[in-house]
Amino acid sequence: HWLNGVKTVEYELWTPEWVKMKTTGKWK
């Protein structure tokens, strides 16, 4: 994700870390 030329977010979909965030956070 970039906003006004500044990178604001960088991540990998479907990794174990991403799955853990998904299943323990708002999207559980």
mmCIF file of all heavy atoms, coordinates in Angstrom:
data_MODEL
# 
_entry.id   MODEL 
# 
loop_
_atom_site.group_PDB 
_atom_site.id 
_atom_site.type_symbol 
_atom_site.label_atom_id 
_atom_site.label_alt_id 
_atom_site.label_comp_id 
_atom_site.label_asym_id 
_atom_site.label_entity_id 
_atom_site.label_seq_id 
_atom_site.pdbx_PDB_ins_code 
_atom_site.Cartn_x 
_atom_site.Cartn_y 
_atom_site.Cartn_z 
_atom_site.occupancy 
_atom_site.B_iso_or_equiv 
_atom_site.pdbx_formal_charge 
_atom_site.auth_seq_id 
_atom_site.auth_comp_id 
_atom_site.auth_asym_id 
_atom_site.auth_atom_id 
_atom_site.pdbx_PDB_model_num 
ATOM 1   N N   . HIS A 1 1  ? 0.866   -1.176  0.000  1.00 0.00 ? 1  HIS A N   1 
ATOM 2   C CA  . HIS A 1 1  ? 0.000   0.000   0.000  1.00 0.00 ? 1  HIS A CA  1 
ATOM 3   C C   . HIS A 1 1  ? 0.903   1.226   0.000  1.00 0.00 ? 1  HIS A C   1 
ATOM 4   O O   . HIS A 1 1  ? 1.841   1.300   0.807  1.00 0.00 ? 1  HIS A O   1 
ATOM 5   C CB  . HIS A 1 1  ? -0.863  0.061   1.260  1.00 0.00 ? 1  HIS A CB  1 
ATOM 6   C CG  . HIS A 1 1  ? -1.948  -0.953  1.339  1.00 0.00 ? 1  HIS A CG  1 
ATOM 7   N ND1 . HIS A 1 1  ? -2.889  -0.924  2.332  1.00 0.00 ? 1  HIS A ND1 1 
ATOM 8   C CD2 . HIS A 1 1  ? -2.260  -2.016  0.573  1.00 0.00 ? 1  HIS A CD2 1 
ATOM 9   C CE1 . HIS A 1 1  ? -3.735  -1.929  2.185  1.00 0.00 ? 1  HIS A CE1 1 
ATOM 10  N NE2 . HIS A 1 1  ? -3.366  -2.618  1.126  1.00 0.00 ? 1  HIS A NE2 1 
ATOM 11  N N   . TRP A 1 2  ? 0.598   2.174   -0.864 1.00 0.00 ? 2  TRP A N   1 
ATOM 12  C CA  . TRP A 1 2  ? 1.324   3.440   -0.927 1.00 0.00 ? 2  TRP A CA  1 
ATOM 13  C C   . TRP A 1 2  ? 0.317   4.572   -0.793 1.00 0.00 ? 2  TRP A C   1 
ATOM 14  O O   . TRP A 1 2  ? -0.804  4.469   -1.297 1.00 0.00 ? 2  TRP A O   1 
ATOM 15  C CB  . TRP A 1 2  ? 2.060   3.571   -2.255 1.00 0.00 ? 2  TRP A CB  1 
ATOM 16  C CG  . TRP A 1 2  ? 3.170   2.579   -2.445 1.00 0.00 ? 2  TRP A CG  1 
ATOM 17  C CD1 . TRP A 1 2  ? 3.050   1.262   -2.798 1.00 0.00 ? 2  TRP A CD1 1 
ATOM 18  C CD2 . TRP A 1 2  ? 4.558   2.813   -2.291 1.00 0.00 ? 2  TRP A CD2 1 
ATOM 19  N NE1 . TRP A 1 2  ? 4.281   0.676   -2.868 1.00 0.00 ? 2  TRP A NE1 1 
ATOM 20  C CE2 . TRP A 1 2  ? 5.228   1.604   -2.558 1.00 0.00 ? 2  TRP A CE2 1 
ATOM 21  C CE3 . TRP A 1 2  ? 5.302   3.945   -1.943 1.00 0.00 ? 2  TRP A CE3 1 
ATOM 22  C CZ2 . TRP A 1 2  ? 6.611   1.488   -2.503 1.00 0.00 ? 2  TRP A CZ2 1 
ATOM 23  C CZ3 . TRP A 1 2  ? 6.679   3.833   -1.885 1.00 0.00 ? 2  TRP A CZ3 1 
ATOM 24  C CH2 . TRP A 1 2  ? 7.315   2.608   -2.163 1.00 0.00 ? 2  TRP A CH2 1 
ATOM 25  N N   . LEU A 1 3  ? 0.701   5.638   -0.125 1.00 0.00 ? 3  LEU A N   1 
ATOM 26  C CA  . LEU A 1 3  ? -0.157  6.808   0.033  1.00 0.00 ? 3  LEU A CA  1 
ATOM 27  C C   . LEU A 1 3  ? 0.690   8.052   -0.159 1.00 0.00 ? 3  LEU A C   1 
ATOM 28  O O   . LEU A 1 3  ? 1.644   8.283   0.592  1.00 0.00 ? 3  LEU A O   1 
ATOM 29  C CB  . LEU A 1 3  ? -0.812  6.799   1.418  1.00 0.00 ? 3  LEU A CB  1 
ATOM 30  C CG  . LEU A 1 3  ? -1.721  7.967   1.767  1.00 0.00 ? 3  LEU A CG  1 
ATOM 31  C CD1 . LEU A 1 3  ? -2.805  8.183   0.718  1.00 0.00 ? 3  LEU A CD1 1 
ATOM 32  C CD2 . LEU A 1 3  ? -2.341  7.771   3.149  1.00 0.00 ? 3  LEU A CD2 1 
ATOM 33  N N   . ASN A 1 4  ? 0.376   8.791   -1.215 1.00 0.00 ? 4  ASN A N   1 
ATOM 34  C CA  . ASN A 1 4  ? 1.109   10.025  -1.539 1.00 0.00 ? 4  ASN A CA  1 
ATOM 35  C C   . ASN A 1 4  ? 2.617   9.785   -1.620 1.00 0.00 ? 4  ASN A C   1 
ATOM 36  O O   . ASN A 1 4  ? 3.417   10.570  -1.114 1.00 0.00 ? 4  ASN A O   1 
ATOM 37  C CB  . ASN A 1 4  ? 0.771   11.129  -0.531 1.00 0.00 ? 4  ASN A CB  1 
ATOM 38  C CG  . ASN A 1 4  ? -0.708  11.483  -0.569 1.00 0.00 ? 4  ASN A CG  1 
ATOM 39  O OD1 . ASN A 1 4  ? -1.301  11.568  -1.640 1.00 0.00 ? 4  ASN A OD1 1 
ATOM 40  N ND2 . ASN A 1 4  ? -1.304  11.673  0.597  1.00 0.00 ? 4  ASN A ND2 1 
ATOM 41  N N   . GLY A 1 5  ? 2.991   8.675   -2.246 1.00 0.00 ? 5  GLY A N   1 
ATOM 42  C CA  . GLY A 1 5  ? 4.393   8.344   -2.471 1.00 0.00 ? 5  GLY A CA  1 
ATOM 43  C C   . GLY A 1 5  ? 5.096   7.689   -1.296 1.00 0.00 ? 5  GLY A C   1 
ATOM 44  O O   . GLY A 1 5  ? 6.285   7.390   -1.378 1.00 0.00 ? 5  GLY A O   1 
ATOM 45  N N   . VAL A 1 6  ? 4.387   7.441   -0.195 1.00 0.00 ? 6  VAL A N   1 
ATOM 46  C CA  . VAL A 1 6  ? 4.963   6.827   0.998  1.00 0.00 ? 6  VAL A CA  1 
ATOM 47  C C   . VAL A 1 6  ? 4.407   5.409   1.141  1.00 0.00 ? 6  VAL A C   1 
ATOM 48  O O   . VAL A 1 6  ? 3.179   5.222   1.133  1.00 0.00 ? 6  VAL A O   1 
ATOM 49  C CB  . VAL A 1 6  ? 4.619   7.652   2.265  1.00 0.00 ? 6  VAL A CB  1 
ATOM 50  C CG1 . VAL A 1 6  ? 5.134   6.963   3.517  1.00 0.00 ? 6  VAL A CG1 1 
ATOM 51  C CG2 . VAL A 1 6  ? 5.157   9.071   2.140  1.00 0.00 ? 6  VAL A CG2 1 
ATOM 52  N N   . LYS A 1 7  ? 5.300   4.422   1.291  1.00 0.00 ? 7  LYS A N   1 
ATOM 53  C CA  . LYS A 1 7  ? 4.831   3.053   1.511  1.00 0.00 ? 7  LYS A CA  1 
ATOM 54  C C   . LYS A 1 7  ? 4.266   2.975   2.928  1.00 0.00 ? 7  LYS A C   1 
ATOM 55  O O   . LYS A 1 7  ? 4.955   3.267   3.901  1.00 0.00 ? 7  LYS A O   1 
ATOM 56  C CB  . LYS A 1 7  ? 5.953   2.034   1.349  1.00 0.00 ? 7  LYS A CB  1 
ATOM 57  C CG  . LYS A 1 7  ? 5.445   0.587   1.428  1.00 0.00 ? 7  LYS A CG  1 
ATOM 58  C CD  . LYS A 1 7  ? 6.555   -0.440  1.454  1.00 0.00 ? 7  LYS A CD  1 
ATOM 59  C CE  . LYS A 1 7  ? 7.282   -0.517  0.133  1.00 0.00 ? 7  LYS A CE  1 
ATOM 60  N NZ  . LYS A 1 7  ? 8.304   -1.608  0.140  1.00 0.00 ? 7  LYS A NZ  1 
ATOM 61  N N   . THR A 1 8  ? 2.985   2.567   3.029  1.00 0.00 ? 8  THR A N   1 
ATOM 62  C CA  . THR A 1 8  ? 2.338   2.502   4.338  1.00 0.00 ? 8  THR A CA  1 
ATOM 63  C C   . THR A 1 8  ? 2.173   1.074   4.852  1.00 0.00 ? 8  THR A C   1 
ATOM 64  O O   . THR A 1 8  ? 2.116   0.862   6.056  1.00 0.00 ? 8  THR A O   1 
ATOM 65  C CB  . THR A 1 8  ? 0.960   3.187   4.306  1.00 0.00 ? 8  THR A CB  1 
ATOM 66  O OG1 . THR A 1 8  ? 0.144   2.560   3.307  1.00 0.00 ? 8  THR A OG1 1 
ATOM 67  C CG2 . THR A 1 8  ? 1.101   4.678   4.026  1.00 0.00 ? 8  THR A CG2 1 
ATOM 68  N N   . VAL A 1 9  ? 2.094   0.113   3.955  1.00 0.00 ? 9  VAL A N   1 
ATOM 69  C CA  . VAL A 1 9  ? 1.887   -1.284  4.349  1.00 0.00 ? 9  VAL A CA  1 
ATOM 70  C C   . VAL A 1 9  ? 2.602   -2.186  3.362  1.00 0.00 ? 9  VAL A C   1 
ATOM 71  O O   . VAL A 1 9  ? 2.640   -1.909  2.158  1.00 0.00 ? 9  VAL A O   1 
ATOM 72  C CB  . VAL A 1 9  ? 0.384   -1.646  4.377  1.00 0.00 ? 9  VAL A CB  1 
ATOM 73  C CG1 . VAL A 1 9  ? 0.156   -3.142  4.482  1.00 0.00 ? 9  VAL A CG1 1 
ATOM 74  C CG2 . VAL A 1 9  ? -0.336  -0.930  5.502  1.00 0.00 ? 9  VAL A CG2 1 
ATOM 75  N N   . GLU A 1 10 ? 3.149   -3.279  3.885  1.00 0.00 ? 10 GLU A N   1 
ATOM 76  C CA  . GLU A 1 10 ? 3.753   -4.315  3.056  1.00 0.00 ? 10 GLU A CA  1 
ATOM 77  C C   . GLU A 1 10 ? 3.519   -5.642  3.770  1.00 0.00 ? 10 GLU A C   1 
ATOM 78  O O   . GLU A 1 10 ? 3.815   -5.769  4.966  1.00 0.00 ? 10 GLU A O   1 
ATOM 79  C CB  . GLU A 1 10 ? 5.245   -4.047  2.900  1.00 0.00 ? 10 GLU A CB  1 
ATOM 80  C CG  . GLU A 1 10 ? 5.968   -5.006  2.012  1.00 0.00 ? 10 GLU A CG  1 
ATOM 81  C CD  . GLU A 1 10 ? 7.414   -4.576  1.780  1.00 0.00 ? 10 GLU A CD  1 
ATOM 82  O OE1 . GLU A 1 10 ? 7.985   -3.845  2.623  1.00 0.00 ? 10 GLU A OE1 1 
ATOM 83  O OE2 . GLU A 1 10 ? 7.974   -4.993  0.766  1.00 0.00 ? 10 GLU A OE2 1 
ATOM 84  N N   . TYR A 1 11 ? 2.950   -6.620  3.063  1.00 0.00 ? 11 TYR A N   1 
ATOM 85  C CA  . TYR A 1 11 ? 2.702   -7.917  3.688  1.00 0.00 ? 11 TYR A CA  1 
ATOM 86  C C   . TYR A 1 11 ? 2.550   -9.000  2.628  1.00 0.00 ? 11 TYR A C   1 
ATOM 87  O O   . TYR A 1 11 ? 2.446   -8.708  1.445  1.00 0.00 ? 11 TYR A O   1 
ATOM 88  C CB  . TYR A 1 11 ? 1.470   -7.869  4.602  1.00 0.00 ? 11 TYR A CB  1 
ATOM 89  C CG  . TYR A 1 11 ? 0.142   -7.702  3.900  1.00 0.00 ? 11 TYR A CG  1 
ATOM 90  C CD1 . TYR A 1 11 ? -0.651  -8.810  3.595  1.00 0.00 ? 11 TYR A CD1 1 
ATOM 91  C CD2 . TYR A 1 11 ? -0.337  -6.442  3.557  1.00 0.00 ? 11 TYR A CD2 1 
ATOM 92  C CE1 . TYR A 1 11 ? -1.883  -8.657  2.973  1.00 0.00 ? 11 TYR A CE1 1 
ATOM 93  C CE2 . TYR A 1 11 ? -1.554  -6.279  2.928  1.00 0.00 ? 11 TYR A CE2 1 
ATOM 94  C CZ  . TYR A 1 11 ? -2.331  -7.394  2.647  1.00 0.00 ? 11 TYR A CZ  1 
ATOM 95  O OH  . TYR A 1 11 ? -3.543  -7.241  2.024  1.00 0.00 ? 11 TYR A OH  1 
ATOM 96  N N   . GLU A 1 12 ? 2.527   -10.236 3.093  1.00 0.00 ? 12 GLU A N   1 
ATOM 97  C CA  . GLU A 1 12 ? 2.331   -11.406 2.232  1.00 0.00 ? 12 GLU A CA  1 
ATOM 98  C C   . GLU A 1 12 ? 1.007   -12.052 2.596  1.00 0.00 ? 12 GLU A C   1 
ATOM 99  O O   . GLU A 1 12 ? 0.760   -12.377 3.766  1.00 0.00 ? 12 GLU A O   1 
ATOM 100 C CB  . GLU A 1 12 ? 3.448   -12.432 2.440  1.00 0.00 ? 12 GLU A CB  1 
ATOM 101 C CG  . GLU A 1 12 ? 4.818   -11.964 2.056  1.00 0.00 ? 12 GLU A CG  1 
ATOM 102 C CD  . GLU A 1 12 ? 5.123   -12.117 0.572  1.00 0.00 ? 12 GLU A CD  1 
ATOM 103 O OE1 . GLU A 1 12 ? 4.462   -12.928 -0.098 1.00 0.00 ? 12 GLU A OE1 1 
ATOM 104 O OE2 . GLU A 1 12 ? 6.021   -11.410 0.097  1.00 0.00 ? 12 GLU A OE2 1 
ATOM 105 N N   . LEU A 1 13 ? 0.146   -12.234 1.603  1.00 0.00 ? 13 LEU A N   1 
ATOM 106 C CA  . LEU A 1 13 ? -1.109  -12.952 1.814  1.00 0.00 ? 13 LEU A CA  1 
ATOM 107 C C   . LEU A 1 13 ? -0.852  -14.436 2.038  1.00 0.00 ? 13 LEU A C   1 
ATOM 108 O O   . LEU A 1 13 ? 0.081   -15.006 1.478  1.00 0.00 ? 13 LEU A O   1 
ATOM 109 C CB  . LEU A 1 13 ? -2.008  -12.795 0.582  1.00 0.00 ? 13 LEU A CB  1 
ATOM 110 C CG  . LEU A 1 13 ? -2.656  -11.422 0.393  1.00 0.00 ? 13 LEU A CG  1 
ATOM 111 C CD1 . LEU A 1 13 ? -3.116  -11.253 -1.041 1.00 0.00 ? 13 LEU A CD1 1 
ATOM 112 C CD2 . LEU A 1 13 ? -3.816  -11.245 1.357  1.00 0.00 ? 13 LEU A CD2 1 
ATOM 113 N N   . TRP A 1 14 ? -1.691  -15.048 2.876  1.00 0.00 ? 14 TRP A N   1 
ATOM 114 C CA  . TRP A 1 14 ? -1.793  -16.500 3.049  1.00 0.00 ? 14 TRP A CA  1 
ATOM 115 C C   . TRP A 1 14 ? -0.585  -17.151 3.718  1.00 0.00 ? 14 TRP A C   1 
ATOM 116 O O   . TRP A 1 14 ? -0.498  -18.367 3.756  1.00 0.00 ? 14 TRP A O   1 
ATOM 117 C CB  . TRP A 1 14 ? -2.123  -17.188 1.724  1.00 0.00 ? 14 TRP A CB  1 
ATOM 118 C CG  . TRP A 1 14 ? -3.164  -16.447 0.949  1.00 0.00 ? 14 TRP A CG  1 
ATOM 119 C CD1 . TRP A 1 14 ? -4.436  -16.168 1.364  1.00 0.00 ? 14 TRP A CD1 1 
ATOM 120 C CD2 . TRP A 1 14 ? -3.031  -15.865 -0.348 1.00 0.00 ? 14 TRP A CD2 1 
ATOM 121 N NE1 . TRP A 1 14 ? -5.094  -15.437 0.403  1.00 0.00 ? 14 TRP A NE1 1 
ATOM 122 C CE2 . TRP A 1 14 ? -4.258  -15.236 -0.668 1.00 0.00 ? 14 TRP A CE2 1 
ATOM 123 C CE3 . TRP A 1 14 ? -1.997  -15.799 -1.269 1.00 0.00 ? 14 TRP A CE3 1 
ATOM 124 C CZ2 . TRP A 1 14 ? -4.469  -14.578 -1.867 1.00 0.00 ? 14 TRP A CZ2 1 
ATOM 125 C CZ3 . TRP A 1 14 ? -2.208  -15.141 -2.464 1.00 0.00 ? 14 TRP A CZ3 1 
ATOM 126 C CH2 . TRP A 1 14 ? -3.429  -14.541 -2.761 1.00 0.00 ? 14 TRP A CH2 1 
ATOM 127 N N   . THR A 1 15 ? 0.322   -16.387 4.273  1.00 0.00 ? 15 THR A N   1 
ATOM 128 C CA  . THR A 1 15 ? 1.443   -16.963 5.025  1.00 0.00 ? 15 THR A CA  1 
ATOM 129 C C   . THR A 1 15 ? 0.933   -17.398 6.400  1.00 0.00 ? 15 THR A C   1 
ATOM 130 O O   . THR A 1 15 ? -0.145  -16.953 6.841  1.00 0.00 ? 15 THR A O   1 
ATOM 131 C CB  . THR A 1 15 ? 2.572   -15.936 5.214  1.00 0.00 ? 15 THR A CB  1 
ATOM 132 O OG1 . THR A 1 15 ? 2.058   -14.854 6.004  1.00 0.00 ? 15 THR A OG1 1 
ATOM 133 C CG2 . THR A 1 15 ? 3.107   -15.427 3.884  1.00 0.00 ? 15 THR A CG2 1 
ATOM 134 N N   . PRO A 1 16 ? 1.681   -18.223 7.129  1.00 0.00 ? 16 PRO A N   1 
ATOM 135 C CA  . PRO A 1 16 ? 1.252   -18.583 8.484  1.00 0.00 ? 16 PRO A CA  1 
ATOM 136 C C   . PRO A 1 16 ? 1.023   -17.351 9.380  1.00 0.00 ? 16 PRO A C   1 
ATOM 137 O O   . PRO A 1 16 ? 0.070   -17.317 10.162 1.00 0.00 ? 16 PRO A O   1 
ATOM 138 C CB  . PRO A 1 16 ? 2.407   -19.451 9.002  1.00 0.00 ? 16 PRO A CB  1 
ATOM 139 C CG  . PRO A 1 16 ? 2.970   -20.074 7.764  1.00 0.00 ? 16 PRO A CG  1 
ATOM 140 C CD  . PRO A 1 16 ? 2.864   -18.996 6.709  1.00 0.00 ? 16 PRO A CD  1 
ATOM 141 N N   . GLU A 1 17 ? 1.874   -16.330 9.259  1.00 0.00 ? 17 GLU A N   1 
ATOM 142 C CA  . GLU A 1 17 ? 1.698   -15.105 10.044 1.00 0.00 ? 17 GLU A CA  1 
ATOM 143 C C   . GLU A 1 17 ? 0.378   -14.417 9.686  1.00 0.00 ? 17 GLU A C   1 
ATOM 144 O O   . GLU A 1 17 ? -0.374  -13.989 10.561 1.00 0.00 ? 17 GLU A O   1 
ATOM 145 C CB  . GLU A 1 17 ? 2.864   -14.145 9.798  1.00 0.00 ? 17 GLU A CB  1 
ATOM 146 C CG  . GLU A 1 17 ? 2.703   -12.813 10.493 1.00 0.00 ? 17 GLU A CG  1 
ATOM 147 C CD  . GLU A 1 17 ? 3.728   -11.777 10.070 1.00 0.00 ? 17 GLU A CD  1 
ATOM 148 O OE1 . GLU A 1 17 ? 4.611   -12.076 9.249  1.00 0.00 ? 17 GLU A OE1 1 
ATOM 149 O OE2 . GLU A 1 17 ? 3.630   -10.653 10.567 1.00 0.00 ? 17 GLU A OE2 1 
ATOM 150 N N   . TRP A 1 18 ? 0.085   -14.321 8.383  1.00 0.00 ? 18 TRP A N   1 
ATOM 151 C CA  . TRP A 1 18 ? -1.158  -13.686 7.924  1.00 0.00 ? 18 TRP A CA  1 
ATOM 152 C C   . TRP A 1 18 ? -2.368  -14.472 8.422  1.00 0.00 ? 18 TRP A C   1 
ATOM 153 O O   . TRP A 1 18 ? -3.337  -13.891 8.917  1.00 0.00 ? 18 TRP A O   1 
ATOM 154 C CB  . TRP A 1 18 ? -1.143  -13.584 6.395  1.00 0.00 ? 18 TRP A CB  1 
ATOM 155 C CG  . TRP A 1 18 ? -2.339  -12.889 5.841  1.00 0.00 ? 18 TRP A CG  1 
ATOM 156 C CD1 . TRP A 1 18 ? -2.486  -11.547 5.631  1.00 0.00 ? 18 TRP A CD1 1 
ATOM 157 C CD2 . TRP A 1 18 ? -3.574  -13.492 5.440  1.00 0.00 ? 18 TRP A CD2 1 
ATOM 158 N NE1 . TRP A 1 18 ? -3.740  -11.287 5.117  1.00 0.00 ? 18 TRP A NE1 1 
ATOM 159 C CE2 . TRP A 1 18 ? -4.417  -12.464 4.992  1.00 0.00 ? 18 TRP A CE2 1 
ATOM 160 C CE3 . TRP A 1 18 ? -4.043  -14.799 5.411  1.00 0.00 ? 18 TRP A CE3 1 
ATOM 161 C CZ2 . TRP A 1 18 ? -5.710  -12.699 4.526  1.00 0.00 ? 18 TRP A CZ2 1 
ATOM 162 C CZ3 . TRP A 1 18 ? -5.330  -15.045 4.950  1.00 0.00 ? 18 TRP A CZ3 1 
ATOM 163 C CH2 . TRP A 1 18 ? -6.147  -14.000 4.513  1.00 0.00 ? 18 TRP A CH2 1 
ATOM 164 N N   . VAL A 1 19 ? -2.328  -15.797 8.307  1.00 0.00 ? 19 VAL A N   1 
ATOM 165 C CA  . VAL A 1 19 ? -3.438  -16.640 8.763  1.00 0.00 ? 19 VAL A CA  1 
ATOM 166 C C   . VAL A 1 19 ? -3.664  -16.460 10.259 1.00 0.00 ? 19 VAL A C   1 
ATOM 167 O O   . VAL A 1 19 ? -4.810  -16.350 10.721 1.00 0.00 ? 19 VAL A O   1 
ATOM 168 C CB  . VAL A 1 19 ? -3.198  -18.127 8.396  1.00 0.00 ? 19 VAL A CB  1 
ATOM 169 C CG1 . VAL A 1 19 ? -4.219  -19.031 9.073  1.00 0.00 ? 19 VAL A CG1 1 
ATOM 170 C CG2 . VAL A 1 19 ? -3.216  -18.315 6.885  1.00 0.00 ? 19 VAL A CG2 1 
ATOM 171 N N   . LYS A 1 20 ? -2.589  -16.380 11.035 1.00 0.00 ? 20 LYS A N   1 
ATOM 172 C CA  . LYS A 1 20 ? -2.722  -16.183 12.477 1.00 0.00 ? 20 LYS A CA  1 
ATOM 173 C C   . LYS A 1 20 ? -3.389  -14.842 12.775 1.00 0.00 ? 20 LYS A C   1 
ATOM 174 O O   . LYS A 1 20 ? -4.277  -14.753 13.637 1.00 0.00 ? 20 LYS A O   1 
ATOM 175 C CB  . LYS A 1 20 ? -1.356  -16.267 13.159 1.00 0.00 ? 20 LYS A CB  1 
ATOM 176 C CG  . LYS A 1 20 ? -1.449  -16.117 14.657 1.00 0.00 ? 20 LYS A CG  1 
ATOM 177 C CD  . LYS A 1 20 ? -0.096  -16.243 15.325 1.00 0.00 ? 20 LYS A CD  1 
ATOM 178 C CE  . LYS A 1 20 ? -0.256  -16.060 16.833 1.00 0.00 ? 20 LYS A CE  1 
ATOM 179 N NZ  . LYS A 1 20 ? 1.029   -16.054 17.510 1.00 0.00 ? 20 LYS A NZ  1 
ATOM 180 N N   . MET A 1 21 ? -2.972  -13.784 12.086 1.00 0.00 ? 21 MET A N   1 
ATOM 181 C CA  . MET A 1 21 ? -3.589  -12.470 12.288 1.00 0.00 ? 21 MET A CA  1 
ATOM 182 C C   . MET A 1 21 ? -5.078  -12.518 11.957 1.00 0.00 ? 21 MET A C   1 
ATOM 183 O O   . MET A 1 21 ? -5.904  -11.951 12.671 1.00 0.00 ? 21 MET A O   1 
ATOM 184 C CB  . MET A 1 21 ? -2.892  -11.414 11.421 1.00 0.00 ? 21 MET A CB  1 
ATOM 185 C CG  . MET A 1 21 ? -1.499  -11.066 11.861 1.00 0.00 ? 21 MET A CG  1 
ATOM 186 S SD  . MET A 1 21 ? -0.738  -9.856  10.769 1.00 0.00 ? 21 MET A SD  1 
ATOM 187 C CE  . MET A 1 21 ? -1.604  -8.381  11.284 1.00 0.00 ? 21 MET A CE  1 
ATOM 188 N N   . LYS A 1 22 ? -5.406  -13.194 10.874 1.00 0.00 ? 22 LYS A N   1 
ATOM 189 C CA  . LYS A 1 22 ? -6.800  -13.297 10.434 1.00 0.00 ? 22 LYS A CA  1 
ATOM 190 C C   . LYS A 1 22 ? -7.642  -14.069 11.443 1.00 0.00 ? 22 LYS A C   1 
ATOM 191 O O   . LYS A 1 22 ? -8.738  -13.652 11.795 1.00 0.00 ? 22 LYS A O   1 
ATOM 192 C CB  . LYS A 1 22 ? -6.863  -13.976 9.070  1.00 0.00 ? 22 LYS A CB  1 
ATOM 193 C CG  . LYS A 1 22 ? -8.253  -14.288 8.593  1.00 0.00 ? 22 LYS A CG  1 
ATOM 194 C CD  . LYS A 1 22 ? -8.226  -15.110 7.327  1.00 0.00 ? 22 LYS A CD  1 
ATOM 195 C CE  . LYS A 1 22 ? -9.450  -15.980 7.246  1.00 0.00 ? 22 LYS A CE  1 
ATOM 196 N NZ  . LYS A 1 22 ? -9.517  -16.774 6.054  1.00 0.00 ? 22 LYS A NZ  1 
ATOM 197 N N   . THR A 1 23 ? -7.142  -15.177 11.910 1.00 0.00 ? 23 THR A N   1 
ATOM 198 C CA  . THR A 1 23 ? -7.947  -16.068 12.759 1.00 0.00 ? 23 THR A CA  1 
ATOM 199 C C   . THR A 1 23 ? -7.981  -15.661 14.229 1.00 0.00 ? 23 THR A C   1 
ATOM 200 O O   . THR A 1 23 ? -8.758  -16.221 15.001 1.00 0.00 ? 23 THR A O   1 
ATOM 201 C CB  . THR A 1 23 ? -7.457  -17.524 12.638 1.00 0.00 ? 23 THR A CB  1 
ATOM 202 O OG1 . THR A 1 23 ? -6.074  -17.588 12.992 1.00 0.00 ? 23 THR A OG1 1 
ATOM 203 C CG2 . THR A 1 23 ? -7.661  -18.058 11.228 1.00 0.00 ? 23 THR A CG2 1 
ATOM 204 N N   . THR A 1 24 ? -7.164  -14.680 14.613 1.00 0.00 ? 24 THR A N   1 
ATOM 205 C CA  . THR A 1 24 ? -7.187  -14.226 16.005 1.00 0.00 ? 24 THR A CA  1 
ATOM 206 C C   . THR A 1 24 ? -7.662  -12.779 16.136 1.00 0.00 ? 24 THR A C   1 
ATOM 207 O O   . THR A 1 24 ? -7.808  -12.287 17.251 1.00 0.00 ? 24 THR A O   1 
ATOM 208 C CB  . THR A 1 24 ? -5.786  -14.350 16.655 1.00 0.00 ? 24 THR A CB  1 
ATOM 209 O OG1 . THR A 1 24 ? -4.857  -13.547 15.919 1.00 0.00 ? 24 THR A OG1 1 
ATOM 210 C CG2 . THR A 1 24 ? -5.335  -15.802 16.695 1.00 0.00 ? 24 THR A CG2 1 
ATOM 211 N N   . GLY A 1 25 ? -7.912  -12.112 15.024 1.00 0.00 ? 25 GLY A N   1 
ATOM 212 C CA  . GLY A 1 25 ? -8.314  -10.712 15.061 1.00 0.00 ? 25 GLY A CA  1 
ATOM 213 C C   . GLY A 1 25 ? -9.760  -10.511 14.653 1.00 0.00 ? 25 GLY A C   1 
ATOM 214 O O   . GLY A 1 25 ? -10.610 -11.392 14.811 1.00 0.00 ? 25 GLY A O   1 
ATOM 215 N N   . LYS A 1 26 ? -10.029 -9.363  14.092 1.00 0.00 ? 26 LYS A N   1 
ATOM 216 C CA  . LYS A 1 26 ? -11.389 -8.970  13.699 1.00 0.00 ? 26 LYS A CA  1 
ATOM 217 C C   . LYS A 1 26 ? -12.042 -9.966  12.748 1.00 0.00 ? 26 LYS A C   1 
ATOM 218 O O   . LYS A 1 26 ? -13.252 -10.132 12.744 1.00 0.00 ? 26 LYS A O   1 
ATOM 219 C CB  . LYS A 1 26 ? -11.354 -7.581  13.064 1.00 0.00 ? 26 LYS A CB  1 
ATOM 220 C CG  . LYS A 1 26 ? -12.727 -7.102  12.638 1.00 0.00 ? 26 LYS A CG  1 
ATOM 221 C CD  . LYS A 1 26 ? -12.731 -5.674  12.200 1.00 0.00 ? 26 LYS A CD  1 
ATOM 222 C CE  . LYS A 1 26 ? -14.137 -5.291  11.784 1.00 0.00 ? 26 LYS A CE  1 
ATOM 223 N NZ  . LYS A 1 26 ? -14.652 -4.158  12.485 1.00 0.00 ? 26 LYS A NZ  1 
ATOM 224 N N   . TRP A 1 27 ? -11.251 -10.655 11.940 1.00 0.00 ? 27 TRP A N   1 
ATOM 225 C CA  . TRP A 1 27 ? -11.796 -11.530 10.893 1.00 0.00 ? 27 TRP A CA  1 
ATOM 226 C C   . TRP A 1 27 ? -11.970 -12.982 11.348 1.00 0.00 ? 27 TRP A C   1 
ATOM 227 O O   . TRP A 1 27 ? -12.273 -13.847 10.552 1.00 0.00 ? 27 TRP A O   1 
ATOM 228 C CB  . TRP A 1 27 ? -10.923 -11.453 9.643  1.00 0.00 ? 27 TRP A CB  1 
ATOM 229 C CG  . TRP A 1 27 ? -10.743 -10.042 9.203  1.00 0.00 ? 27 TRP A CG  1 
ATOM 230 C CD1 . TRP A 1 27 ? -9.584  -9.325  9.166  1.00 0.00 ? 27 TRP A CD1 1 
ATOM 231 C CD2 . TRP A 1 27 ? -11.775 -9.142  8.787  1.00 0.00 ? 27 TRP A CD2 1 
ATOM 232 N NE1 . TRP A 1 27 ? -9.827  -8.035  8.749  1.00 0.00 ? 27 TRP A NE1 1 
ATOM 233 C CE2 . TRP A 1 27 ? -11.169 -7.897  8.505  1.00 0.00 ? 27 TRP A CE2 1 
ATOM 234 C CE3 . TRP A 1 27 ? -13.158 -9.261  8.630  1.00 0.00 ? 27 TRP A CE3 1 
ATOM 235 C CZ2 . TRP A 1 27 ? -11.884 -6.783  8.080  1.00 0.00 ? 27 TRP A CZ2 1 
ATOM 236 C CZ3 . TRP A 1 27 ? -13.881 -8.149  8.203  1.00 0.00 ? 27 TRP A CZ3 1 
ATOM 237 C CH2 . TRP A 1 27 ? -13.240 -6.931  7.931  1.00 0.00 ? 27 TRP A CH2 1 
ATOM 238 N N   . LYS A 1 28 ? -11.797 -13.250 12.634 1.00 0.00 ? 28 LYS A N   1 
ATOM 239 C CA  . LYS A 1 28 ? -11.884 -14.633 13.130 1.00 0.00 ? 28 LYS A CA  1 
ATOM 240 C C   . LYS A 1 28 ? -13.246 -15.273 12.855 1.00 0.00 ? 28 LYS A C   1 
ATOM 241 O O   . LYS A 1 28 ? -13.338 -16.484 12.710 1.00 0.00 ? 28 LYS A O   1 
ATOM 242 C CB  . LYS A 1 28 ? -11.528 -14.712 14.602 1.00 0.00 ? 28 LYS A CB  1 
ATOM 243 C CG  . LYS A 1 28 ? -12.504 -14.044 15.539 1.00 0.00 ? 28 LYS A CG  1 
ATOM 244 C CD  . LYS A 1 28 ? -12.027 -14.162 16.984 1.00 0.00 ? 28 LYS A CD  1 
ATOM 245 C CE  . LYS A 1 28 ? -12.950 -13.483 17.948 1.00 0.00 ? 28 LYS A CE  1 
ATOM 246 N NZ  . LYS A 1 28 ? -12.929 -12.043 17.907 1.00 0.00 ? 28 LYS A NZ  1 
# 
